[in-house]
Amino acid sequence: MSWKNLFRLCLAVIGSLALWGCGSSTITGTNEEKEPQFLIGRTRVNAMDFQGAIEAFEQALETNPRSAAAHFELGWLYAEKEAAPATAIYHYEKFLKLRPGAENAETIRLHIFRLKQELAKGVLPIPPSTEVQRQLEQLAEENRQLRDQVTRLQAAPSQVSTNNRTVVPTLAAANRPRDNSGTTGRPVASTASAFRTERAVVSGRTHRVQAGETPAAIARRYNVKVDALLVANPGLNPKRMRVGQSLSIPTR
């Protein structure tokens, strides 16, 4: 082999080693943490500008999607400062995938387990608090009162019917005629019945009206009441009695 070919072979080997060295250095943690956006993110964390730090670390991932350090920082920020457990889990798992043998891998797995528990709380039923329990008891009491009101309303028609039966005789009593003393007398229906009875209680006697006679004179003659005489002779007009008119004389 000539010295020229040997020289070319040496240059090729040296070039290959240089390329390999550059390629391997781009994935080391040291170089990830020297990336400008990553450094800006660290500065903002120290200044407690957590939202600005998130933006910087995400830009660092745009520059190097395989930046495990940036995924780790974002996992911590989303878990502790933004209360976004799902996003934190995503970045932590990306970190473990890129650095499965990291010294803090077990700690990261514990963080992921805790974050998954927080997510589960939003899905699983939570026992009611004291305030919620008090509100439930209040609603139950209001429901019971409403049921009692409905029961009373349902029973109201039967009470109204009973009251109506009581009012009817009261109204009938109120309609009874009153005597001069103000007390309630016999009902109108009973009075009419008495009139019919008195009209029926007549004797077989008759009287023919004489000139100048009046119902009062005829009643005195037979020792009966004028009302009884008028009842026994319905249709009789006391002011227009005719001479020779036949009148029935009651027994009383």
Protein backbone atom coordinates (compact mmCIF):
# COMPACT_ATOMS: atom_id res chain seq x y z
CA MET A 1 0.00 0.00 0.00
CA SER A 2 1.36 3.38 -0.93
CA TRP A 3 1.79 6.09 1.60
CA LYS A 4 -0.98 8.10 -0.06
CA ASN A 5 -3.55 5.33 0.43
CA LEU A 6 -2.41 4.88 4.01
CA PHE A 7 -2.85 8.59 4.64
CA ARG A 8 -6.37 8.52 3.23
CA LEU A 9 -7.30 5.54 5.45
CA CYS A 10 -6.11 7.35 8.53
CA LEU A 11 -8.15 10.42 7.65
CA ALA A 12 -11.27 8.26 7.19
CA VAL A 13 -10.80 6.60 10.59
CA ILE A 14 -10.22 9.93 12.31
CA GLY A 15 -13.36 11.39 10.61
CA SER A 16 -15.48 8.44 11.69
CA LEU A 17 -14.32 8.75 15.30
CA ALA A 18 -15.08 12.47 15.26
CA LEU A 19 -18.60 11.90 13.92
CA TRP A 20 -19.27 9.19 16.51
CA GLY A 21 -18.09 11.45 19.29
CA CYS A 22 -20.37 14.27 18.21
CA GLY A 23 -23.35 11.99 17.87
CA SER A 24 -22.93 10.43 21.29
CA SER A 25 -22.43 13.76 23.02
CA THR A 26 -25.80 15.08 21.84
CA ILE A 27 -27.76 12.55 23.97
CA THR A 28 -25.86 12.91 27.22
CA GLY A 29 -27.57 14.52 30.17
CA THR A 30 -24.87 17.14 30.43
CA ASN A 31 -25.48 18.44 26.95
CA GLU A 32 -29.31 18.38 27.47
CA GLU A 33 -28.93 20.64 30.47
CA LYS A 34 -26.70 23.05 28.52
CA GLU A 35 -29.34 23.66 25.86
CA PRO A 36 -30.26 27.40 25.93
CA GLN A 37 -34.01 26.98 26.45
CA PHE A 38 -33.37 24.41 29.18
CA LEU A 39 -31.11 26.90 30.98
CA ILE A 40 -33.78 29.59 30.64
CA GLY A 41 -36.29 27.19 32.15
CA ARG A 42 -34.04 26.55 35.15
CA THR A 43 -33.59 30.30 35.63
CA ARG A 44 -37.35 30.86 35.61
CA VAL A 45 -37.89 28.05 38.14
CA ASN A 46 -35.44 29.78 40.48
CA ALA A 47 -37.38 33.01 39.95
CA MET A 48 -40.64 31.13 40.69
CA ASP A 49 -41.94 31.91 37.22
CA PHE A 50 -43.32 28.41 36.82
CA GLN A 51 -45.50 29.12 33.78
CA GLY A 52 -42.54 30.72 31.99
CA ALA A 53 -40.38 27.75 32.96
CA ILE A 54 -42.90 25.35 31.43
CA GLU A 55 -42.81 27.31 28.18
CA ALA A 56 -39.00 27.22 28.11
CA PHE A 57 -38.76 23.47 28.78
CA GLU A 58 -41.35 22.75 26.10
CA GLN A 59 -39.28 24.80 23.64
CA ALA A 60 -36.27 22.75 24.70
CA LEU A 61 -38.21 19.62 23.74
CA GLU A 62 -38.98 21.13 20.36
CA THR A 63 -35.25 21.54 19.83
CA ASN A 64 -34.45 18.07 21.19
CA PRO A 65 -37.52 15.75 21.54
CA ARG A 66 -35.29 13.19 23.31
CA SER A 67 -34.33 15.51 26.13
CA ALA A 68 -35.00 13.38 29.19
CA ALA A 69 -33.99 16.26 31.45
CA ALA A 70 -36.65 18.52 29.94
CA HIS A 71 -39.29 15.77 30.39
CA PHE A 72 -38.29 15.39 34.02
CA GLU A 73 -38.56 19.12 34.72
CA LEU A 74 -41.95 19.31 33.02
CA GLY A 75 -43.18 16.29 34.97
CA TRP A 76 -42.25 17.98 38.23
CA LEU A 77 -43.78 21.32 37.25
CA TYR A 78 -47.08 19.84 36.08
CA ALA A 79 -47.32 17.64 39.19
CA GLU A 80 -46.38 20.17 41.87
CA LYS A 81 -47.11 23.62 40.42
CA GLU A 82 -49.90 23.20 37.88
CA ALA A 83 -51.93 20.35 39.45
CA ALA A 84 -52.15 18.60 36.08
CA PRO A 85 -51.52 14.94 37.02
CA ALA A 86 -52.24 13.49 33.59
CA THR A 87 -49.65 15.72 31.89
CA ALA A 88 -47.16 15.07 34.68
CA ILE A 89 -47.56 11.30 34.23
CA TYR A 90 -46.91 11.67 30.48
CA HIS A 91 -43.59 13.52 30.98
CA TYR A 92 -42.44 11.25 33.81
CA GLU A 93 -43.06 8.16 31.67
CA LYS A 94 -41.19 9.76 28.78
CA PHE A 95 -38.27 10.35 31.14
CA LEU A 96 -38.24 6.67 32.23
CA LYS A 97 -38.40 5.53 28.62
CA LEU A 98 -35.39 7.67 27.70
CA ARG A 99 -33.45 6.87 30.90
CA PRO A 100 -34.68 3.48 32.19
CA GLY A 101 -31.56 3.05 34.33
CA ALA A 102 -31.67 6.45 36.00
CA GLU A 103 -30.79 6.52 39.70
CA ASN A 104 -34.13 8.16 40.57
CA ALA A 105 -36.19 5.82 38.35
CA GLU A 106 -37.85 4.12 41.33
CA THR A 107 -38.78 7.47 42.88
CA ILE A 108 -40.30 8.59 39.59
CA ARG A 109 -42.40 5.42 39.45
CA LEU A 110 -43.72 6.18 42.95
CA HIS A 111 -44.64 9.70 41.80
CA ILE A 112 -46.49 8.23 38.83
CA PHE A 113 -48.41 5.85 41.11
CA ARG A 114 -49.44 8.74 43.39
CA LEU A 115 -50.57 10.86 40.44
CA LYS A 116 -52.67 8.00 39.10
CA GLN A 117 -54.35 7.75 42.49
CA GLU A 118 -55.23 11.46 42.31
CA LEU A 119 -56.78 10.92 38.89
CA ALA A 120 -58.81 7.99 40.24
CA LYS A 121 -60.34 10.20 42.95
CA GLY A 122 -62.13 12.17 40.27
CA VAL A 123 -63.80 8.98 38.99
CA LEU A 124 -64.49 6.93 42.14
CA PRO A 125 -67.40 7.98 44.43
CA ILE A 126 -66.40 10.16 47.36
CA PRO A 127 -68.15 9.76 50.74
CA PRO A 128 -70.44 12.74 51.42
CA SER A 129 -69.13 15.46 53.69
CA THR A 130 -70.94 16.71 56.80
CA GLU A 131 -72.47 19.62 54.86
CA VAL A 132 -73.69 17.35 52.08
CA GLN A 133 -75.16 14.98 54.67
CA ARG A 134 -76.97 17.88 56.36
CA GLN A 135 -78.46 19.00 53.04
CA LEU A 136 -79.64 15.47 52.31
CA GLU A 137 -81.35 15.26 55.70
CA GLN A 138 -83.02 18.64 55.10
CA LEU A 139 -84.33 17.49 51.73
CA ALA A 140 -85.67 14.30 53.30
CA GLU A 141 -87.54 16.34 55.94
CA GLU A 142 -89.03 18.64 53.30
CA ASN A 143 -90.10 15.60 51.31
CA ARG A 144 -91.84 14.17 54.39
CA GLN A 145 -93.71 17.44 54.99
CA LEU A 146 -94.86 17.51 51.37
CA ARG A 147 -96.19 13.96 51.68
CA ASP A 148 -98.14 14.97 54.81
CA GLN A 149 -99.67 17.93 52.96
CA VAL A 150 -100.72 15.69 50.08
CA THR A 151 -102.32 13.26 52.54
CA ARG A 152 -104.30 16.09 54.16
CA LEU A 153 -105.43 17.41 50.78
CA GLN A 154 -106.58 13.96 49.75
CA ALA A 155 -108.63 13.66 52.94
CA ALA A 156 -110.17 17.13 52.50
CA PRO A 157 -113.08 16.04 50.16
CA SER A 158 -114.47 13.61 52.74
CA GLN A 159 -114.32 16.30 55.42
CA VAL A 160 -116.13 18.75 53.15
CA SER A 161 -118.83 16.14 52.53
CA THR A 162 -119.27 15.62 56.27
CA ASN A 163 -119.42 19.34 56.86
CA ASN A 164 -122.07 19.72 54.16
CA ARG A 165 -124.25 17.11 55.86
CA THR A 166 -123.93 19.12 59.07
CA VAL A 167 -124.71 22.44 57.42
CA VAL A 168 -127.94 21.29 55.73
CA PRO A 169 -129.94 20.77 58.94
CA THR A 170 -128.45 23.98 60.31
CA LEU A 171 -129.73 25.92 57.33
CA ALA A 172 -133.11 24.25 57.72
CA ALA A 173 -133.23 25.32 61.35
CA ALA A 174 -132.27 28.87 60.37
CA ASN A 175 -135.23 29.02 58.00
CA ARG A 176 -137.77 28.11 60.67
CA PRO A 177 -140.30 30.87 61.47
CA ARG A 178 -139.75 32.77 64.71
CA ASP A 179 -142.39 33.82 67.22
CA ASN A 180 -142.47 37.17 68.98
CA SER A 181 -140.08 36.00 71.69
CA GLY A 182 -137.37 35.53 69.10
CA THR A 183 -137.11 31.74 69.56
CA THR A 184 -137.28 29.42 66.64
CA GLY A 185 -140.74 28.00 66.06
CA ARG A 186 -141.84 24.96 64.11
CA PRO A 187 -140.47 24.54 60.60
CA VAL A 188 -142.58 25.74 57.70
CA ALA A 189 -143.08 22.18 56.52
CA SER A 190 -144.36 21.15 59.97
CA THR A 191 -146.77 24.14 60.07
CA ALA A 192 -148.18 23.20 56.68
CA SER A 193 -148.64 19.66 57.93
CA ALA A 194 -150.49 20.98 60.97
CA PHE A 195 -152.74 23.06 58.70
CA ARG A 196 -153.55 19.99 56.68
CA THR A 197 -154.34 18.10 59.87
CA GLU A 198 -156.56 20.84 61.25
CA ARG A 199 -158.29 21.13 57.90
CA ALA A 200 -159.02 17.42 58.01
CA VAL A 201 -160.33 17.55 61.61
CA VAL A 202 -163.85 18.78 60.91
CA SER A 203 -167.18 17.70 62.25
CA GLY A 204 -170.22 16.79 60.30
CA ARG A 205 -171.81 20.11 61.24
CA THR A 206 -172.47 22.81 58.70
CA HIS A 207 -173.67 26.37 58.96
CA ARG A 208 -175.48 28.49 56.45
CA VAL A 209 -174.37 32.08 56.42
CA GLN A 210 -176.99 34.57 57.53
CA ALA A 211 -177.15 38.19 56.59
CA GLY A 212 -174.65 40.31 58.55
CA GLU A 213 -172.65 37.35 59.89
CA THR A 214 -168.87 37.40 59.96
CA PRO A 215 -166.39 34.55 60.39
CA ALA A 216 -165.65 35.79 63.93
CA ALA A 217 -169.34 35.70 64.87
CA ILE A 218 -169.75 32.21 63.45
CA ALA A 219 -166.60 31.01 65.30
CA ARG A 220 -167.91 32.40 68.60
CA ARG A 221 -171.24 30.72 68.01
CA TYR A 222 -169.66 27.28 67.68
CA ASN A 223 -166.88 27.98 70.18
CA VAL A 224 -164.05 27.46 67.68
CA LYS A 225 -161.18 29.58 66.55
CA VAL A 226 -161.47 31.78 63.50
CA ASP A 227 -158.27 30.26 62.05
CA ALA A 228 -159.70 26.77 62.44
CA LEU A 229 -162.90 27.87 60.68
CA LEU A 230 -160.92 29.33 57.79
CA VAL A 231 -158.77 26.21 57.55
CA ALA A 232 -161.84 23.98 57.48
CA ASN A 233 -163.25 26.09 54.63
CA PRO A 234 -160.44 26.68 52.14
CA GLY A 235 -161.22 29.25 49.53
CA LEU A 236 -163.51 31.16 51.88
CA ASN A 237 -163.17 34.94 51.54
CA PRO A 238 -164.15 36.44 54.92
CA LYS A 239 -165.04 39.76 53.30
CA ARG A 240 -167.28 38.27 50.60
CA MET A 241 -169.34 35.59 52.31
CA ARG A 242 -172.67 34.99 50.57
CA VAL A 243 -175.97 34.60 52.37
CA GLY A 244 -176.93 30.95 52.40
CA GLN A 245 -173.28 29.85 51.80
CA SER A 246 -172.60 26.52 53.54
CA LEU A 247 -169.62 26.41 55.90
CA SER A 248 -168.04 23.35 57.57
CA ILE A 249 -167.64 23.71 61.30
CA PRO A 250 -164.42 22.18 62.74
CA THR A 251 -164.35 20.26 66.00
CA ARG A 252 -161.95 22.81 67.48
